[in-house]
Amino acid sequence: MSRLLLNAELWSNLLPILLHNNLYNKQDLRMTVEGILYRMRTGCSWRDLSKAFGS
């Protein structure tokens, strides 16, 4: 699964864009975004999303 995750460079580029659009910088924001991207890449349903992305 690690090949599907954002690397540090991509995340550092994406975070300012998200914050500029008034997204709250909560503690697990990165994992939320990772979960959304994972779901988009794999086509899995929300309930089948790995627990690694939170509950």
PDB file of N, CA and C in Angstrom:
ATOM      1  N   MET A   1       0.819  -1.193   0.000  1.00  0.00           N
ATOM      2  CA  MET A   1       0.000   0.000   0.000  1.00  0.00           C
ATOM      3  C   MET A   1       0.865   1.260   0.000  1.00  0.00           C
ATOM      4  N   SER A   2       2.094   1.188   0.444  1.00  0.00           N
ATOM      5  CA  SER A   2       2.907   2.399   0.563  1.00  0.00           C
ATOM      6  C   SER A   2       3.151   3.088  -0.776  1.00  0.00           C
ATOM      7  N   ARG A   3       3.112   2.351  -1.879  1.00  0.00           N
ATOM      8  CA  ARG A   3       3.340   2.992  -3.171  1.00  0.00           C
ATOM      9  C   ARG A   3       2.201   3.940  -3.530  1.00  0.00           C
ATOM     10  N   LEU A   4       1.062   3.790  -2.886  1.00  0.00           N
ATOM     11  CA  LEU A   4      -0.088   4.635  -3.177  1.00  0.00           C
ATOM     12  C   LEU A   4      -0.127   5.895  -2.318  1.00  0.00           C
ATOM     13  N   LEU A   5       0.718   5.969  -1.309  1.00  0.00           N
ATOM     14  CA  LEU A   5       0.677   7.102  -0.400  1.00  0.00           C
ATOM     15  C   LEU A   5       1.494   8.269  -0.935  1.00  0.00           C
ATOM     16  N   LEU A   6       1.123   9.445  -0.508  1.00  0.00           N
ATOM     17  CA  LEU A   6       1.853  10.654  -0.899  1.00  0.00           C
ATOM     18  C   LEU A   6       3.213  10.680  -0.216  1.00  0.00           C
ATOM     19  N   ASN A   7       4.240  10.991  -0.962  1.00  0.00           N
ATOM     20  CA  ASN A   7       5.544  11.144  -0.319  1.00  0.00           C
ATOM     21  C   ASN A   7       5.608  12.535   0.320  1.00  0.00           C
ATOM     22  N   ALA A   8       6.654  12.769   1.088  1.00  0.00           N
ATOM     23  CA  ALA A   8       6.777  14.028   1.837  1.00  0.00           C
ATOM     24  C   ALA A   8       6.808  15.243   0.915  1.00  0.00           C
ATOM     25  N   GLU A   9       7.451  15.112  -0.230  1.00  0.00           N
ATOM     26  CA  GLU A   9       7.535  16.240  -1.161  1.00  0.00           C
ATOM     27  C   GLU A   9       6.155  16.603  -1.719  1.00  0.00           C
ATOM     28  N   LEU A  10       5.392  15.592  -2.130  1.00  0.00           N
ATOM     29  CA  LEU A  10       4.046  15.860  -2.650  1.00  0.00           C
ATOM     30  C   LEU A  10       3.150  16.459  -1.567  1.00  0.00           C
ATOM     31  N   TRP A  11       3.242  15.910  -0.349  1.00  0.00           N
ATOM     32  CA  TRP A  11       2.418  16.425   0.742  1.00  0.00           C
ATOM     33  C   TRP A  11       2.783  17.873   1.057  1.00  0.00           C
ATOM     34  N   SER A  12       4.069  18.195   1.047  1.00  0.00           N
ATOM     35  CA  SER A  12       4.472  19.576   1.348  1.00  0.00           C
ATOM     36  C   SER A  12       3.998  20.547   0.269  1.00  0.00           C
ATOM     37  N   ASN A  13       3.787  20.065  -0.936  1.00  0.00           N
ATOM     38  CA  ASN A  13       3.229  20.905  -2.001  1.00  0.00           C
ATOM     39  C   ASN A  13       1.710  21.023  -1.892  1.00  0.00           C
ATOM     40  N   LEU A  14       1.058  19.963  -1.456  1.00  0.00           N
ATOM     41  CA  LEU A  14      -0.400  19.938  -1.380  1.00  0.00           C
ATOM     42  C   LEU A  14      -0.944  20.677  -0.155  1.00  0.00           C
ATOM     43  N   LEU A  15      -0.269  20.573   0.964  1.00  0.00           N
ATOM     44  CA  LEU A  15      -0.770  21.162   2.211  1.00  0.00           C
ATOM     45  C   LEU A  15      -1.055  22.659   2.103  1.00  0.00           C
ATOM     46  N   PRO A  16      -0.165  23.477   1.560  1.00  0.00           N
ATOM     47  CA  PRO A  16      -0.474  24.909   1.444  1.00  0.00           C
ATOM     48  C   PRO A  16      -1.710  25.179   0.579  1.00  0.00           C
ATOM     49  N   ILE A  17      -1.931  24.362  -0.424  1.00  0.00           N
ATOM     50  CA  ILE A  17      -3.113  24.524  -1.280  1.00  0.00           C
ATOM     51  C   ILE A  17      -4.374  24.242  -0.479  1.00  0.00           C
ATOM     52  N   LEU A  18      -4.354  23.170   0.299  1.00  0.00           N
ATOM     53  CA  LEU A  18      -5.518  22.829   1.119  1.00  0.00           C
ATOM     54  C   LEU A  18      -5.790  23.909   2.158  1.00  0.00           C
ATOM     55  N   LEU A  19      -4.744  24.387   2.809  1.00  0.00           N
ATOM     56  CA  LEU A  19      -4.916  25.418   3.839  1.00  0.00           C
ATOM     57  C   LEU A  19      -5.355  26.745   3.232  1.00  0.00           C
ATOM     58  N   HIS A  20      -4.904  27.046   2.035  1.00  0.00           N
ATOM     59  CA  HIS A  20      -5.314  28.270   1.344  1.00  0.00           C
ATOM     60  C   HIS A  20      -6.818  28.249   1.044  1.00  0.00           C
ATOM     61  N   ASN A  21      -7.360  27.057   0.870  1.00  0.00           N
ATOM     62  CA  ASN A  21      -8.786  26.903   0.590  1.00  0.00           C
ATOM     63  C   ASN A  21      -9.595  26.707   1.863  1.00  0.00           C
ATOM     64  N   ASN A  22      -9.076  27.236   2.976  1.00  0.00           N
ATOM     65  CA  ASN A  22      -9.769  27.253   4.271  1.00  0.00           C
ATOM     66  C   ASN A  22     -10.064  25.872   4.834  1.00  0.00           C
ATOM     67  N   LEU A  23      -9.217  24.905   4.541  1.00  0.00           N
ATOM     68  CA  LEU A  23      -9.361  23.587   5.134  1.00  0.00           C
ATOM     69  C   LEU A  23      -8.703  23.608   6.505  1.00  0.00           C
ATOM     70  N   TYR A  24      -9.378  23.080   7.484  1.00  0.00           N
ATOM     71  CA  TYR A  24      -8.856  23.053   8.847  1.00  0.00           C
ATOM     72  C   TYR A  24      -7.684  22.072   8.920  1.00  0.00           C
ATOM     73  N   ASN A  25      -6.564  22.491   9.456  1.00  0.00           N
ATOM     74  CA  ASN A  25      -5.373  21.647   9.548  1.00  0.00           C
ATOM     75  C   ASN A  25      -5.449  20.773  10.794  1.00  0.00           C
ATOM     76  N   LYS A  26      -6.352  19.806  10.772  1.00  0.00           N
ATOM     77  CA  LYS A  26      -6.495  18.914  11.914  1.00  0.00           C
ATOM     78  C   LYS A  26      -5.339  17.920  11.947  1.00  0.00           C
ATOM     79  N   GLN A  27      -5.185  17.258  13.060  1.00  0.00           N
ATOM     80  CA  GLN A  27      -4.047  16.377  13.275  1.00  0.00           C
ATOM     81  C   GLN A  27      -3.962  15.262  12.235  1.00  0.00           C
ATOM     82  N   ASP A  28      -5.085  14.717  11.824  1.00  0.00           N
ATOM     83  CA  ASP A  28      -5.070  13.591  10.885  1.00  0.00           C
ATOM     84  C   ASP A  28      -5.470  13.996   9.462  1.00  0.00           C
ATOM     85  N   LEU A  29      -5.248  15.252   9.108  1.00  0.00           N
ATOM     86  CA  LEU A  29      -5.606  15.731   7.769  1.00  0.00           C
ATOM     87  C   LEU A  29      -4.914  14.921   6.682  1.00  0.00           C
ATOM     88  N   ARG A  30      -3.637  14.640   6.879  1.00  0.00           N
ATOM     89  CA  ARG A  30      -2.908  13.893   5.849  1.00  0.00           C
ATOM     90  C   ARG A  30      -3.520  12.511   5.633  1.00  0.00           C
ATOM     91  N   MET A  31      -3.868  11.816   6.713  1.00  0.00           N
ATOM     92  CA  MET A  31      -4.448  10.480   6.554  1.00  0.00           C
ATOM     93  C   MET A  31      -5.835  10.556   5.922  1.00  0.00           C
ATOM     94  N   THR A  32      -6.579  11.615   6.196  1.00  0.00           N
ATOM     95  CA  THR A  32      -7.875  11.806   5.551  1.00  0.00           C
ATOM     96  C   THR A  32      -7.698  11.957   4.047  1.00  0.00           C
ATOM     97  N   VAL A  33      -6.757  12.798   3.647  1.00  0.00           N
ATOM     98  CA  VAL A  33      -6.480  13.000   2.220  1.00  0.00           C
ATOM     99  C   VAL A  33      -5.964  11.706   1.599  1.00  0.00           C
ATOM    100  N   GLU A  34      -5.073  11.008   2.310  1.00  0.00           N
ATOM    101  CA  GLU A  34      -4.545   9.736   1.813  1.00  0.00           C
ATOM    102  C   GLU A  34      -5.682   8.734   1.594  1.00  0.00           C
ATOM    103  N   GLY A  35      -6.619   8.680   2.530  1.00  0.00           N
ATOM    104  CA  GLY A  35      -7.752   7.767   2.403  1.00  0.00           C
ATOM    105  C   GLY A  35      -8.621   8.095   1.202  1.00  0.00           C
ATOM    106  N   ILE A  36      -8.869   9.370   0.972  1.00  0.00           N
ATOM    107  CA  ILE A  36      -9.656   9.799  -0.185  1.00  0.00           C
ATOM    108  C   ILE A  36      -8.942   9.421  -1.476  1.00  0.00           C
ATOM    109  N   LEU A  37      -7.647   9.694  -1.545  1.00  0.00           N
ATOM    110  CA  LEU A  37      -6.880   9.356  -2.746  1.00  0.00           C
ATOM    111  C   LEU A  37      -6.814   7.846  -2.961  1.00  0.00           C
ATOM    112  N   TYR A  38      -6.642   7.096  -1.877  1.00  0.00           N
ATOM    113  CA  TYR A  38      -6.600   5.634  -1.982  1.00  0.00           C
ATOM    114  C   TYR A  38      -7.918   5.106  -2.546  1.00  0.00           C
ATOM    115  N   ARG A  39      -9.018   5.638  -2.026  1.00  0.00           N
ATOM    116  CA  ARG A  39     -10.330   5.207  -2.504  1.00  0.00           C
ATOM    117  C   ARG A  39     -10.511   5.539  -3.981  1.00  0.00           C
ATOM    118  N   MET A  40     -10.058   6.716  -4.391  1.00  0.00           N
ATOM    119  CA  MET A  40     -10.166   7.110  -5.798  1.00  0.00           C
ATOM    120  C   MET A  40      -9.308   6.209  -6.690  1.00  0.00           C
ATOM    121  N   ARG A  41      -8.133   5.837  -6.210  1.00  0.00           N
ATOM    122  CA  ARG A  41      -7.225   5.002  -7.008  1.00  0.00           C
ATOM    123  C   ARG A  41      -7.704   3.568  -7.129  1.00  0.00           C
ATOM    124  N   THR A  42      -8.276   3.037  -6.051  1.00  0.00           N
ATOM    125  CA  THR A  42      -8.633   1.620  -6.033  1.00  0.00           C
ATOM    126  C   THR A  42     -10.089   1.358  -6.372  1.00  0.00           C
ATOM    127  N   GLY A  43     -10.952   2.338  -6.146  1.00  0.00           N
ATOM    128  CA  GLY A  43     -12.371   2.145  -6.395  1.00  0.00           C
ATOM    129  C   GLY A  43     -13.082   1.385  -5.286  1.00  0.00           C
ATOM    130  N   CYS A  44     -12.419   1.196  -4.144  1.00  0.00           N
ATOM    131  CA  CYS A  44     -13.053   0.463  -3.048  1.00  0.00           C
ATOM    132  C   CYS A  44     -14.151   1.326  -2.413  1.00  0.00           C
ATOM    133  N   SER A  45     -15.061   0.684  -1.716  1.00  0.00           N
ATOM    134  CA  SER A  45     -16.118   1.432  -1.035  1.00  0.00           C
ATOM    135  C   SER A  45     -15.559   2.012   0.266  1.00  0.00           C
ATOM    136  N   TRP A  46     -16.261   2.995   0.815  1.00  0.00           N
ATOM    137  CA  TRP A  46     -15.793   3.627   2.050  1.00  0.00           C
ATOM    138  C   TRP A  46     -15.656   2.608   3.167  1.00  0.00           C
ATOM    139  N   ARG A  47     -16.591   1.680   3.282  1.00  0.00           N
ATOM    140  CA  ARG A  47     -16.545   0.716   4.380  1.00  0.00           C
ATOM    141  C   ARG A  47     -15.401  -0.279   4.229  1.00  0.00           C
ATOM    142  N   ASP A  48     -14.891  -0.444   3.002  1.00  0.00           N
ATOM    143  CA  ASP A  48     -13.775  -1.358   2.765  1.00  0.00           C
ATOM    144  C   ASP A  48     -12.416  -0.676   2.876  1.00  0.00           C
ATOM    145  N   LEU A  49     -12.427   0.598   3.214  1.00  0.00           N
ATOM    146  CA  LEU A  49     -11.182   1.345   3.368  1.00  0.00           C
ATOM    147  C   LEU A  49     -10.401   0.791   4.556  1.00  0.00           C
ATOM    148  N   SER A  50      -9.109   0.671   4.408  1.00  0.00           N
ATOM    149  CA  SER A  50      -8.245   0.119   5.447  1.00  0.00           C
ATOM    150  C   SER A  50      -8.348   0.925   6.739  1.00  0.00           C
ATOM    151  N   LYS A  51      -8.250   0.248   7.866  1.00  0.00           N
ATOM    152  CA  LYS A  51      -8.263   0.913   9.176  1.00  0.00           C
ATOM    153  C   LYS A  51      -7.057   1.837   9.341  1.00  0.00           C
ATOM    154  N   ALA A  52      -6.037   1.664   8.502  1.00  0.00           N
ATOM    155  CA  ALA A  52      -4.853   2.529   8.563  1.00  0.00           C
ATOM    156  C   ALA A  52      -5.215   3.987   8.306  1.00  0.00           C
ATOM    157  N   PHE A  53      -6.346   4.225   7.636  1.00  0.00           N
ATOM    158  CA  PHE A  53      -6.772   5.584   7.328  1.00  0.00           C
ATOM    159  C   PHE A  53      -7.691   6.154   8.398  1.00  0.00           C
ATOM    160  N   GLY A  54      -7.905   5.438   9.470  1.00  0.00           N
ATOM    161  CA  GLY A  54      -8.756   5.908  10.561  1.00  0.00           C
ATOM    162  C   GLY A  54     -10.120   5.253  10.524  1.00  0.00           C
ATOM    163  N   SER A  55     -10.933   5.624  11.491  1.00  0.00           N
ATOM    164  CA  SER A  55     -12.262   5.006  11.571  1.00  0.00           C
ATOM    165  C   SER A  55     -13.353   5.971  11.191  1.00  0.00           C
TER     166      SER A  55
END
